[in-house]
C-alpha atoms as a PDB file:
ATOM      1  CA  MET A   1      98.091 146.738  45.850  1.00  0.00           C
ATOM      2  CA  SER A   2      98.692 148.085  42.338  1.00  0.00           C
ATOM      3  CA  ASP A   3      98.504 151.775  43.228  1.00  0.00           C
ATOM      4  CA  LEU A   4     100.861 152.763  46.004  1.00  0.00           C
ATOM      5  CA  ARG A   5     103.483 155.126  47.360  1.00  0.00           C
ATOM      6  CA  GLN A   6     106.365 153.749  49.397  1.00  0.00           C
ATOM      7  CA  ARG A   7     108.579 156.080  51.395  1.00  0.00           C
ATOM      8  CA  PHE A   8     112.082 154.928  52.279  1.00  0.00           C
ATOM      9  CA  PHE A   9     115.003 156.199  54.337  1.00  0.00           C
ATOM     10  CA  ILE A  10     118.665 155.315  54.342  1.00  0.00           C
ATOM     11  CA  GLU A  11     119.599 154.838  57.972  1.00  0.00           C
ATOM     12  CA  ASP A  12     121.827 157.380  59.700  1.00  0.00           C
ATOM     13  CA  SER A  13     121.806 159.696  56.708  1.00  0.00           C
ATOM     14  CA  PRO A  14     119.875 162.720  55.387  1.00  0.00           C
ATOM     15  CA  VAL A  15     118.764 160.769  52.301  1.00  0.00           C
ATOM     16  CA  ARG A  16     115.066 159.987  51.880  1.00  0.00           C
ATOM     17  CA  GLY A  17     113.006 158.839  48.940  1.00  0.00           C
ATOM     18  CA  GLU A  18     109.678 157.708  47.529  1.00  0.00           C
ATOM     19  CA  VAL A  19     108.582 155.143  44.981  1.00  0.00           C
ATOM     20  CA  VAL A  20     105.194 155.378  43.248  1.00  0.00           C
ATOM     21  CA  HIS A  21     103.298 152.789  41.207  1.00  0.00           C
ATOM     22  CA  LEU A  22     100.040 153.474  39.383  1.00  0.00           C
ATOM     23  CA  GLU A  23      97.940 151.008  37.411  1.00  0.00           C
ATOM     24  CA  GLU A  24      94.211 150.960  38.225  1.00  0.00           C
ATOM     25  CA  ALA A  25      94.026 154.722  38.758  1.00  0.00           C
ATOM     26  CA  LEU A  26      95.962 155.321  35.541  1.00  0.00           C
ATOM     27  CA  GLN A  27      93.611 153.081  33.584  1.00  0.00           C
ATOM     28  CA  THR A  28      90.567 154.840  35.036  1.00  0.00           C
ATOM     29  CA  ILE A  29      91.934 158.202  33.937  1.00  0.00           C
ATOM     30  CA  LEU A  30      93.067 157.151  30.460  1.00  0.00           C
ATOM     31  CA  LYS A  31      89.684 155.557  29.701  1.00  0.00           C
ATOM     32  CA  GLN A  32      87.929 158.913  30.122  1.00  0.00           C
ATOM     33  CA  ARG A  33      89.369 160.187  26.825  1.00  0.00           C
ATOM     34  CA  ASP A  34      90.800 158.726  23.630  1.00  0.00           C
ATOM     35  CA  TYR A  35      94.372 159.847  24.237  1.00  0.00           C
ATOM     36  CA  VAL A  36      97.141 159.022  21.764  1.00  0.00           C
ATOM     37  CA  PRO A  37     100.004 156.935  23.268  1.00  0.00           C
ATOM     38  CA  ALA A  38     102.406 159.873  23.661  1.00  0.00           C
ATOM     39  CA  VAL A  39      99.848 161.826  25.696  1.00  0.00           C
ATOM     40  CA  GLN A  40      99.025 158.730  27.745  1.00  0.00           C
ATOM     41  CA  VAL A  41     102.697 158.493  28.686  1.00  0.00           C
ATOM     42  CA  LEU A  42     102.888 162.193  29.554  1.00  0.00           C
ATOM     43  CA  LEU A  43      99.830 161.965  31.817  1.00  0.00           C
ATOM     44  CA  GLY A  44     101.241 158.869  33.523  1.00  0.00           C
ATOM     45  CA  GLU A  45     104.497 160.669  34.212  1.00  0.00           C
ATOM     46  CA  MET A  46     102.683 163.766  35.489  1.00  0.00           C
ATOM     47  CA  LEU A  47     100.520 161.665  37.806  1.00  0.00           C
ATOM     48  CA  CYS A  48     103.547 159.935  39.316  1.00  0.00           C
ATOM     49  CA  ALA A  49     105.334 163.252  39.652  1.00  0.00           C
ATOM     50  CA  THR A  50     102.455 164.838  41.574  1.00  0.00           C
ATOM     51  CA  ALA A  51     102.226 161.808  43.870  1.00  0.00           C
ATOM     52  CA  LEU A  52     105.972 162.052  44.541  1.00  0.00           C
ATOM     53  CA  LEU A  53     105.924 165.807  45.128  1.00  0.00           C
ATOM     54  CA  ALA A  54     102.846 165.575  47.347  1.00  0.00           C
ATOM     55  CA  SER A  55     104.765 163.234  49.629  1.00  0.00           C
ATOM     56  CA  THR A  56     107.346 165.944  50.292  1.00  0.00           C
ATOM     57  CA  LEU A  57     104.663 168.298  51.658  1.00  0.00           C
ATOM     58  CA  LYS A  58     103.499 168.056  55.239  1.00  0.00           C
ATOM     59  CA  ILE A  59     100.149 169.700  54.657  1.00  0.00           C
ATOM     60  CA  LYS A  60      96.529 168.783  54.118  1.00  0.00           C
ATOM     61  CA  GLY A  61      95.624 169.876  50.650  1.00  0.00           C
ATOM     62  CA  ARG A  62      96.619 169.150  47.107  1.00  0.00           C
ATOM     63  CA  ILE A  63      99.436 169.697  44.659  1.00  0.00           C
ATOM     64  CA  SER A  64      99.045 169.883  40.912  1.00  0.00           C
ATOM     65  CA  LEU A  65     101.263 170.135  37.871  1.00  0.00           C
ATOM     66  CA  GLN A  66      99.864 172.053  34.927  1.00  0.00           C
ATOM     67  CA  ILE A  67     101.416 172.448  31.489  1.00  0.00           C
ATOM     68  CA  GLN A  68     100.126 175.344  29.405  1.00  0.00           C
ATOM     69  CA  ALA A  69     101.228 175.964  25.837  1.00  0.00           C
ATOM     70  CA  SER A  70     100.231 177.324  22.453  1.00  0.00           C
ATOM     71  CA  GLY A  71     100.021 175.302  19.271  1.00  0.00           C
ATOM     72  CA  THR A  72      98.326 171.942  18.857  1.00  0.00           C
ATOM     73  CA  PHE A  73      98.919 170.908  22.471  1.00  0.00           C
ATOM     74  CA  LYS A  74      96.922 173.220  24.733  1.00  0.00           C
ATOM     75  CA  TRP A  75      97.315 172.015  28.296  1.00  0.00           C
ATOM     76  CA  ALA A  76      97.624 169.063  30.640  1.00  0.00           C
ATOM     77  CA  MET A  77      97.241 168.770  34.388  1.00  0.00           C
ATOM     78  CA  ALA A  78      97.672 166.163  37.084  1.00  0.00           C
ATOM     79  CA  GLU A  79      96.783 166.420  40.755  1.00  0.00           C
ATOM     80  CA  CYS A  80      97.315 164.522  44.002  1.00  0.00           C
ATOM     81  CA  ASN A  81      95.913 165.357  47.439  1.00  0.00           C
ATOM     82  CA  HIS A  82      96.957 164.350  50.963  1.00  0.00           C
ATOM     83  CA  LEU A  83      94.521 161.417  50.844  1.00  0.00           C
ATOM     84  CA  GLY A  84      96.406 159.869  47.947  1.00  0.00           C
ATOM     85  CA  GLU A  85      93.684 160.660  45.410  1.00  0.00           C
ATOM     86  CA  VAL A  86      94.928 161.419  41.900  1.00  0.00           C
ATOM     87  CA  ARG A  87      93.339 162.697  38.712  1.00  0.00           C
ATOM     88  CA  ALA A  88      94.545 164.092  35.372  1.00  0.00           C
ATOM     89  CA  LEU A  89      93.331 165.573  32.094  1.00  0.00           C
ATOM     90  CA  ALA A  90      94.771 166.894  28.826  1.00  0.00           C
ATOM     91  CA  ASP A  91      93.491 168.899  25.885  1.00  0.00           C
ATOM     92  CA  TYR A  92      95.131 168.924  22.474  1.00  0.00           C
ATOM     93  CA  GLU A  93      94.417 168.923  18.766  1.00  0.00           C
ATOM     94  CA  GLN A  94      95.345 166.042  16.501  1.00  0.00           C
ATOM     95  CA  ASP A  95      98.958 166.289  15.416  1.00  0.00           C
ATOM     96  CA  PRO A  96     100.786 163.781  13.148  1.00  0.00           C
ATOM     97  CA  ARG A  97     103.812 163.985  15.448  1.00  0.00           C
ATOM     98  CA  PHE A  98     101.761 162.619  18.345  1.00  0.00           C
ATOM     99  CA  LEU A  99     100.273 159.731  16.368  1.00  0.00           C
ATOM    100  CA  SER A 100     103.605 158.084  15.590  1.00  0.00           C
ATOM    101  CA  ALA A 101     105.241 158.659  18.990  1.00  0.00           C
ATOM    102  CA  GLU A 102     105.134 156.569  22.134  1.00  0.00           C
ATOM    103  CA  ASP A 103     107.151 158.773  24.474  1.00  0.00           C
ATOM    104  CA  SER A 104     106.371 162.064  26.170  1.00  0.00           C
ATOM    105  CA  SER A 105     109.479 163.828  24.867  1.00  0.00           C
ATOM    106  CA  THR A 106     107.800 164.139  21.459  1.00  0.00           C
ATOM    107  CA  VAL A 107     104.938 166.077  23.045  1.00  0.00           C
ATOM    108  CA  LEU A 108     107.285 168.275  25.080  1.00  0.00           C
ATOM    109  CA  LYS A 109     109.351 169.146  22.000  1.00  0.00           C
ATOM    110  CA  SER A 110     106.192 170.164  20.121  1.00  0.00           C
ATOM    111  CA  LEU A 111     105.043 172.680  22.727  1.00  0.00           C
ATOM    112  CA  VAL A 112     104.913 176.343  21.743  1.00  0.00           C
ATOM    113  CA  SER A 113     105.718 178.847  24.526  1.00  0.00           C
ATOM    114  CA  PRO A 114     105.270 176.187  27.226  1.00  0.00           C
ATOM    115  CA  VAL A 115     105.117 176.813  30.962  1.00  0.00           C
ATOM    116  CA  LEU A 116     104.895 174.274  33.774  1.00  0.00           C
ATOM    117  CA  PHE A 117     103.118 175.421  36.924  1.00  0.00           C
ATOM    118  CA  ILE A 118     103.487 173.740  40.304  1.00  0.00           C
ATOM    119  CA  ASN A 119     100.410 174.634  42.355  1.00  0.00           C
ATOM    120  CA  ILE A 120     100.286 173.931  46.084  1.00  0.00           C
ATOM    121  CA  GLU A 121      96.847 174.446  47.625  1.00  0.00           C
ATOM    122  CA  PRO A 122      96.618 173.757  51.374  1.00  0.00           C
ATOM    123  CA  GLU A 123      93.173 173.400  52.937  1.00  0.00           C
ATOM    124  CA  PHE A 124      94.095 176.305  55.174  1.00  0.00           C
ATOM    125  CA  GLY A 125      96.641 178.972  54.431  1.00  0.00           C
ATOM    126  CA  GLU A 126      98.045 180.672  51.367  1.00  0.00           C
ATOM    127  CA  ARG A 127      98.335 179.042  47.993  1.00  0.00           C
ATOM    128  CA  TYR A 128     101.700 178.818  46.260  1.00  0.00           C
ATOM    129  CA  GLN A 129     102.529 178.677  42.575  1.00  0.00           C
ATOM    130  CA  GLY A 130     105.961 177.935  41.163  1.00  0.00           C
ATOM    131  CA  ILE A 131     106.872 178.323  37.509  1.00  0.00           C
ATOM    132  CA  VAL A 132     109.188 175.792  35.917  1.00  0.00           C
ATOM    133  CA  PRO A 133     110.774 176.202  32.466  1.00  0.00           C
ATOM    134  CA  LEU A 134     110.054 173.288  30.145  1.00  0.00           C
ATOM    135  CA  ASP A 135     113.454 173.465  28.496  1.00  0.00           C
ATOM    136  CA  LYS A 136     114.792 170.009  29.303  1.00  0.00           C
ATOM    137  CA  ALA A 137     114.466 166.694  27.474  1.00  0.00           C
ATOM    138  CA  ASN A 138     111.803 165.291  29.799  1.00  0.00           C
ATOM    139  CA  LEU A 139     109.526 166.155  32.701  1.00  0.00           C
ATOM    140  CA  ALA A 140     111.791 164.590  35.330  1.00  0.00           C
ATOM    141  CA  GLU A 141     114.740 166.774  34.329  1.00  0.00           C
ATOM    142  CA  CYS A 142     112.573 169.915  34.443  1.00  0.00           C
ATOM    143  CA  LEU A 143     111.422 169.094  37.979  1.00  0.00           C
ATOM    144  CA  MET A 144     114.946 168.286  39.147  1.00  0.00           C
ATOM    145  CA  GLN A 145     116.093 171.677  37.886  1.00  0.00           C
ATOM    146  CA  TYR A 146     113.305 173.320  39.871  1.00  0.00           C
ATOM    147  CA  TYR A 147     114.354 171.607  43.088  1.00  0.00           C
ATOM    148  CA  ASP A 148     118.036 172.310  42.570  1.00  0.00           C
ATOM    149  CA  LEU A 149     117.573 176.011  41.780  1.00  0.00           C
ATOM    150  CA  SER A 150     114.406 177.082  43.589  1.00  0.00           C
ATOM    151  CA  ALA A 151     113.979 174.741  46.529  1.00  0.00           C
ATOM    152  CA  GLN A 152     117.764 174.221  46.770  1.00  0.00           C
ATOM    153  CA  ILE A 153     117.284 170.615  47.844  1.00  0.00           C
ATOM    154  CA  PRO A 154     119.402 168.158  45.840  1.00  0.00           C
ATOM    155  CA  THR A 155     116.813 165.913  44.199  1.00  0.00           C
ATOM    156  CA  ARG A 156     116.811 163.157  41.624  1.00  0.00           C
ATOM    157  CA  ILE A 157     113.625 161.997  39.920  1.00  0.00           C
ATOM    158  CA  VAL A 158     112.968 159.122  37.534  1.00  0.00           C
ATOM    159  CA  LEU A 159     109.610 158.783  35.751  1.00  0.00           C
ATOM    160  CA  ALA A 160     108.296 156.122  33.408  1.00  0.00           C
ATOM    161  CA  SER A 161     104.914 155.281  31.922  1.00  0.00           C
ATOM    162  CA  ASN A 162     103.176 153.234  29.270  1.00  0.00           C
ATOM    163  CA  ALA A 163      99.593 152.452  28.374  1.00  0.00           C
ATOM    164  CA  GLU A 164      99.258 150.012  31.285  1.00  0.00           C
ATOM    165  CA  ARG A 165     101.313 151.266  34.228  1.00  0.00           C
ATOM    166  CA  ALA A 166     103.328 154.226  35.457  1.00  0.00           C
ATOM    167  CA  GLY A 167     106.060 154.540  38.024  1.00  0.00           C
ATOM    168  CA  GLY A 168     108.232 157.158  39.642  1.00  0.00           C
ATOM    169  CA  LEU A 169     111.132 157.376  42.063  1.00  0.00           C
ATOM    170  CA  LEU A 170     112.419 160.391  43.967  1.00  0.00           C
ATOM    171  CA  ILE A 171     115.420 160.730  46.258  1.00  0.00           C
ATOM    172  CA  GLN A 172     116.442 163.858  48.156  1.00  0.00           C
ATOM    173  CA  LEU A 173     119.382 164.986  50.221  1.00  0.00           C
ATOM    174  CA  LEU A 174     117.684 166.823  53.072  1.00  0.00           C
ATOM    175  CA  PRO A 175     119.315 169.630  55.070  1.00  0.00           C
ATOM    176  CA  ARG A 176     120.781 168.491  58.386  1.00  0.00           C
ATOM    177  CA  ASN A 177     120.048 170.204  61.683  1.00  0.00           C
ATOM    178  CA  SER A 178     122.804 171.323  64.019  1.00  0.00           C
ATOM    179  CA  GLU A 179     122.718 168.083  66.001  1.00  0.00           C
ATOM    180  CA  GLU A 180     122.926 165.939  62.886  1.00  0.00           C
ATOM    181  CA  GLU A 181     125.837 167.998  61.579  1.00  0.00           C
ATOM    182  CA  GLN A 182     127.895 166.832  64.547  1.00  0.00           C
ATOM    183  CA  GLN A 183     127.453 163.223  63.510  1.00  0.00           C
ATOM    184  CA  ARG A 184     129.772 161.481  61.128  1.00  0.00           C
ATOM    185  CA  VAL A 185     128.306 161.318  57.632  1.00  0.00           C
ATOM    186  CA  ASP A 186     129.236 159.183  54.671  1.00  0.00           C
ATOM    187  CA  GLU A 187     130.194 161.926  52.227  1.00  0.00           C
ATOM    188  CA  ASP A 188     130.095 159.479  49.321  1.00  0.00           C
ATOM    189  CA  LEU A 189     126.513 158.388  50.009  1.00  0.00           C
ATOM    190  CA  TRP A 190     124.691 160.976  47.907  1.00  0.00           C
ATOM    191  CA  PRO A 191     126.941 160.598  44.827  1.00  0.00           C
ATOM    192  CA  ARG A 192     126.638 156.838  45.220  1.00  0.00           C
ATOM    193  CA  VAL A 193     122.846 156.640  45.468  1.00  0.00           C
ATOM    194  CA  THR A 194     122.507 159.226  42.686  1.00  0.00           C
ATOM    195  CA  MET A 195     124.592 157.086  40.376  1.00  0.00           C
ATOM    196  CA  LEU A 196     122.624 153.966  41.323  1.00  0.00           C
ATOM    197  CA  THR A 197     119.296 155.733  40.768  1.00  0.00           C
ATOM    198  CA  GLU A 198     120.357 156.752  37.264  1.00  0.00           C
ATOM    199  CA  THR A 199     120.780 153.067  36.339  1.00  0.00           C
ATOM    200  CA  LEU A 200     117.060 152.399  36.808  1.00  0.00           C
ATOM    201  CA  LYS A 201     115.429 151.427  33.512  1.00  0.00           C
ATOM    202  CA  ALA A 202     111.933 152.537  32.515  1.00  0.00           C
ATOM    203  CA  GLU A 203     110.597 148.973  32.298  1.00  0.00           C
ATOM    204  CA  GLU A 204     111.962 148.192  35.763  1.00  0.00           C
ATOM    205  CA  LEU A 205     110.189 151.200  37.222  1.00  0.00           C
ATOM    206  CA  THR A 206     106.830 150.295  35.689  1.00  0.00           C
ATOM    207  CA  ASP A 207     106.933 146.506  35.965  1.00  0.00           C
ATOM    208  CA  LEU A 208     108.876 145.547  39.099  1.00  0.00           C
ATOM    209  CA  ASP A 209     107.598 145.352  42.648  1.00  0.00           C
ATOM    210  CA  VAL A 210     108.637 148.309  44.799  1.00  0.00           C
ATOM    211  CA  ASN A 211     110.697 146.151  47.144  1.00  0.00           C
ATOM    212  CA  GLU A 212     112.479 144.618  44.173  1.00  0.00           C
ATOM    213  CA  ILE A 213     113.324 148.062  42.805  1.00  0.00           C
ATOM    214  CA  LEU A 214     114.753 149.245  46.112  1.00  0.00           C
ATOM    215  CA  TYR A 215     116.718 146.032  46.582  1.00  0.00           C
ATOM    216  CA  ARG A 216     118.252 146.195  43.119  1.00  0.00           C
ATOM    217  CA  LEU A 217     119.288 149.808  43.606  1.00  0.00           C
ATOM    218  CA  TYR A 218     120.273 150.104  47.248  1.00  0.00           C
ATOM    219  CA  ASN A 219     120.869 146.582  48.576  1.00  0.00           C
ATOM    220  CA  GLU A 220     124.223 147.632  50.053  1.00  0.00           C
ATOM    221  CA  GLU A 221     122.600 150.439  52.071  1.00  0.00           C
ATOM    222  CA  GLN A 222     120.536 150.197  55.245  1.00  0.00           C
ATOM    223  CA  VAL A 223     117.107 151.031  53.817  1.00  0.00           C
ATOM    224  CA  ARG A 224     114.153 151.516  56.155  1.00  0.00           C
ATOM    225  CA  LEU A 225     110.587 151.238  54.851  1.00  0.00           C
ATOM    226  CA  PRO A 226     107.648 152.810  56.717  1.00  0.00           C
ATOM    227  CA  GLU A 227     104.145 151.560  56.013  1.00  0.00           C
ATOM    228  CA  VAL A 228     103.111 151.744  52.371  1.00  0.00           C
ATOM    229  CA  GLU A 229     100.429 154.281  51.345  1.00  0.00           C
ATOM    230  CA  ALA A 230      97.555 153.537  48.974  1.00  0.00           C
ATOM    231  CA  LEU A 231      96.895 155.733  45.950  1.00  0.00           C
ATOM    232  CA  ARG A 232      93.629 155.809  44.009  1.00  0.00           C
ATOM    233  CA  PHE A 233      91.671 157.789  41.478  1.00  0.00           C
ATOM    234  CA  GLY A 234      89.551 160.477  43.093  1.00  0.00           C
ATOM    235  CA  CYS A 235      87.603 163.406  41.726  1.00  0.00           C
ATOM    236  CA  THR A 236      86.624 166.517  43.642  1.00  0.00           C
ATOM    237  CA  CYS A 237      83.603 167.318  41.506  1.00  0.00           C
ATOM    238  CA  SER A 238      80.198 167.736  43.174  1.00  0.00           C
ATOM    239  CA  LYS A 239      76.820 169.249  42.498  1.00  0.00           C
ATOM    240  CA  GLU A 240      77.700 172.002  44.961  1.00  0.00           C
ATOM    241  CA  ARG A 241      80.745 172.963  42.887  1.00  0.00           C
ATOM    242  CA  CYS A 242      78.602 173.021  39.758  1.00  0.00           C
ATOM    243  CA  ALA A 243      76.068 175.209  41.531  1.00  0.00           C
ATOM    244  CA  ASN A 244      78.850 177.623  42.470  1.00  0.00           C
ATOM    245  CA  ALA A 245      79.923 177.720  38.820  1.00  0.00           C
ATOM    246  CA  LEU A 246      76.385 178.644  37.759  1.00  0.00           C
ATOM    247  CA  MET A 247      76.258 181.380  40.374  1.00  0.00           C
ATOM    248  CA  GLN A 248      79.496 182.816  39.051  1.00  0.00           C
ATOM    249  CA  ILE A 249      78.139 183.260  35.521  1.00  0.00           C
ATOM    250  CA  GLY A 250      75.074 185.098  36.850  1.00  0.00           C
ATOM    251  CA  VAL A 251      71.323 184.788  36.653  1.00  0.00           C
ATOM    252  CA  ALA A 252      71.032 186.392  33.199  1.00  0.00           C
ATOM    253  CA  ALA A 253      73.369 183.805  31.670  1.00  0.00           C
ATOM    254  CA  VAL A 254      71.533 180.997  33.459  1.00  0.00           C
ATOM    255  CA  ARG A 255      68.157 182.196  32.118  1.00  0.00           C
ATOM    256  CA  GLU A 256      69.610 182.359  28.614  1.00  0.00           C
ATOM    257  CA  THR A 257      71.021 178.841  28.936  1.00  0.00           C
ATOM    258  CA  LEU A 258      67.662 177.504  30.112  1.00  0.00           C
ATOM    259  CA  GLU A 259      66.056 178.765  26.913  1.00  0.00           C
ATOM    260  CA  HIS A 260      68.172 176.244  24.974  1.00  0.00           C
ATOM    261  CA  GLN A 261      68.880 173.593  27.589  1.00  0.00           C
ATOM    262  CA  ASN A 262      66.384 172.625  30.272  1.00  0.00           C
ATOM    263  CA  PRO A 263      67.473 171.057  32.506  1.00  0.00           C
ATOM    264  CA  ILE A 264      71.023 172.395  32.533  1.00  0.00           C
ATOM    265  CA  THR A 265      73.429 169.476  32.431  1.00  0.00           C
ATOM    266  CA  MET A 266      77.072 169.835  33.449  1.00  0.00           C
ATOM    267  CA  ASP A 267      79.677 167.132  32.796  1.00  0.00           C
ATOM    268  CA  CYS A 268      82.836 166.613  34.841  1.00  0.00           C
ATOM    269  CA  GLN A 269      85.734 166.300  32.404  1.00  0.00           C
ATOM    270  CA  PHE A 270      87.764 164.261  34.883  1.00  0.00           C
ATOM    271  CA  CYS A 271      85.293 161.487  35.737  1.00  0.00           C
ATOM    272  CA  SER A 272      82.375 162.000  33.275  1.00  0.00           C
ATOM    273  CA  THR A 273      79.829 162.396  36.084  1.00  0.00           C
ATOM    274  CA  GLN A 274      76.801 164.435  35.000  1.00  0.00           C
ATOM    275  CA  TYR A 275      75.030 166.968  37.214  1.00  0.00           C
ATOM    276  CA  SER A 276      71.578 168.190  36.239  1.00  0.00           C
ATOM    277  CA  PHE A 277      69.775 171.370  37.311  1.00  0.00           C
ATOM    278  CA  SER A 278      66.118 171.901  36.555  1.00  0.00           C
ATOM    279  CA  ALA A 279      65.003 175.442  35.802  1.00  0.00           C
ATOM    280  CA  GLU A 280      63.570 175.685  39.308  1.00  0.00           C
ATOM    281  CA  GLU A 281      66.857 174.494  40.865  1.00  0.00           C
ATOM    282  CA  ALA A 282      69.048 176.756  38.736  1.00  0.00           C
ATOM    283  CA  LEU A 283      67.022 179.912  39.331  1.00  0.00           C
ATOM    284  CA  GLY A 284      66.596 179.014  42.969  1.00  0.00           C
ATOM    285  CA  LEU A 285      70.348 179.489  43.387  1.00  0.00           C
ATOM    286  CA  PHE A 286      69.664 183.199  42.933  1.00  0.00           C
ATOM    287  CA  GLY A 287      66.509 183.261  45.011  1.00  0.00           C
ATOM    288  CA  GLU A 288      64.376 183.552  41.880  1.00  0.00           C
ATOM    289  CA  HIS A 289      61.467 181.540  40.545  1.00  0.00           C
ATOM    290  CA  LEU A 290      60.115 180.523  37.184  1.00  0.00           C
ATOM    291  CA  SER A 291      58.194 183.298  35.497  1.00  0.00           C
END
């Protein structure tokens, strides 16, 4: 399995973690557009980050990361839902700085007035949006700052990506309940695993098997591995969603569009699927007919 998410626990401790690998899904996404290498890396890191963050939520729904900025780089987004389906997209203008770079930090440094949004959208219930400053050297450091300050859960994240594969690792020190607080705890565990996690190299994270990564890092700890989860590319587009979009712009705009484009064709930017609406179908959305 090339696309997976592996949760792990350190026995008798409040430390938990996740490891993510993406290959086939990443390739599917990158082939949709002609992204320069630096943007490919950024999207790979964002995809792994959303898959890691989604694992911390016990909801049915989806979580997305969205970068918005001015300047030559406009925006980028990545999304993962509770089914393990991921997708991503970016929009930018050609910039000489991007062409010669192969790491995401070059893109992040180029951003003008950047903001990173964390969007949590449960199937039922209220949506949540967190705002994260993009003032650190890389995406992982920005997300760690968010967890430390906003969520107040000590968290360490490592992200790595290239044109072929992407990987991510997250560890957290979870709050203990009253019963757990009565138990003896290894006070050096969190500093120890944090230090070990920081030794992980980018090429190890992208190229090594998950079990090999965990063994190299934490072989002196009692690590427990639940069943691995599959990740895959998945798009939420549908003809129904396109129909809703047409209804939102109104019948007058639809009639005007039909004068220049009949049938109306709508392309999904994420997966390139095309949805076509004849004049009869488009006007029928409003209960009208051809005149």
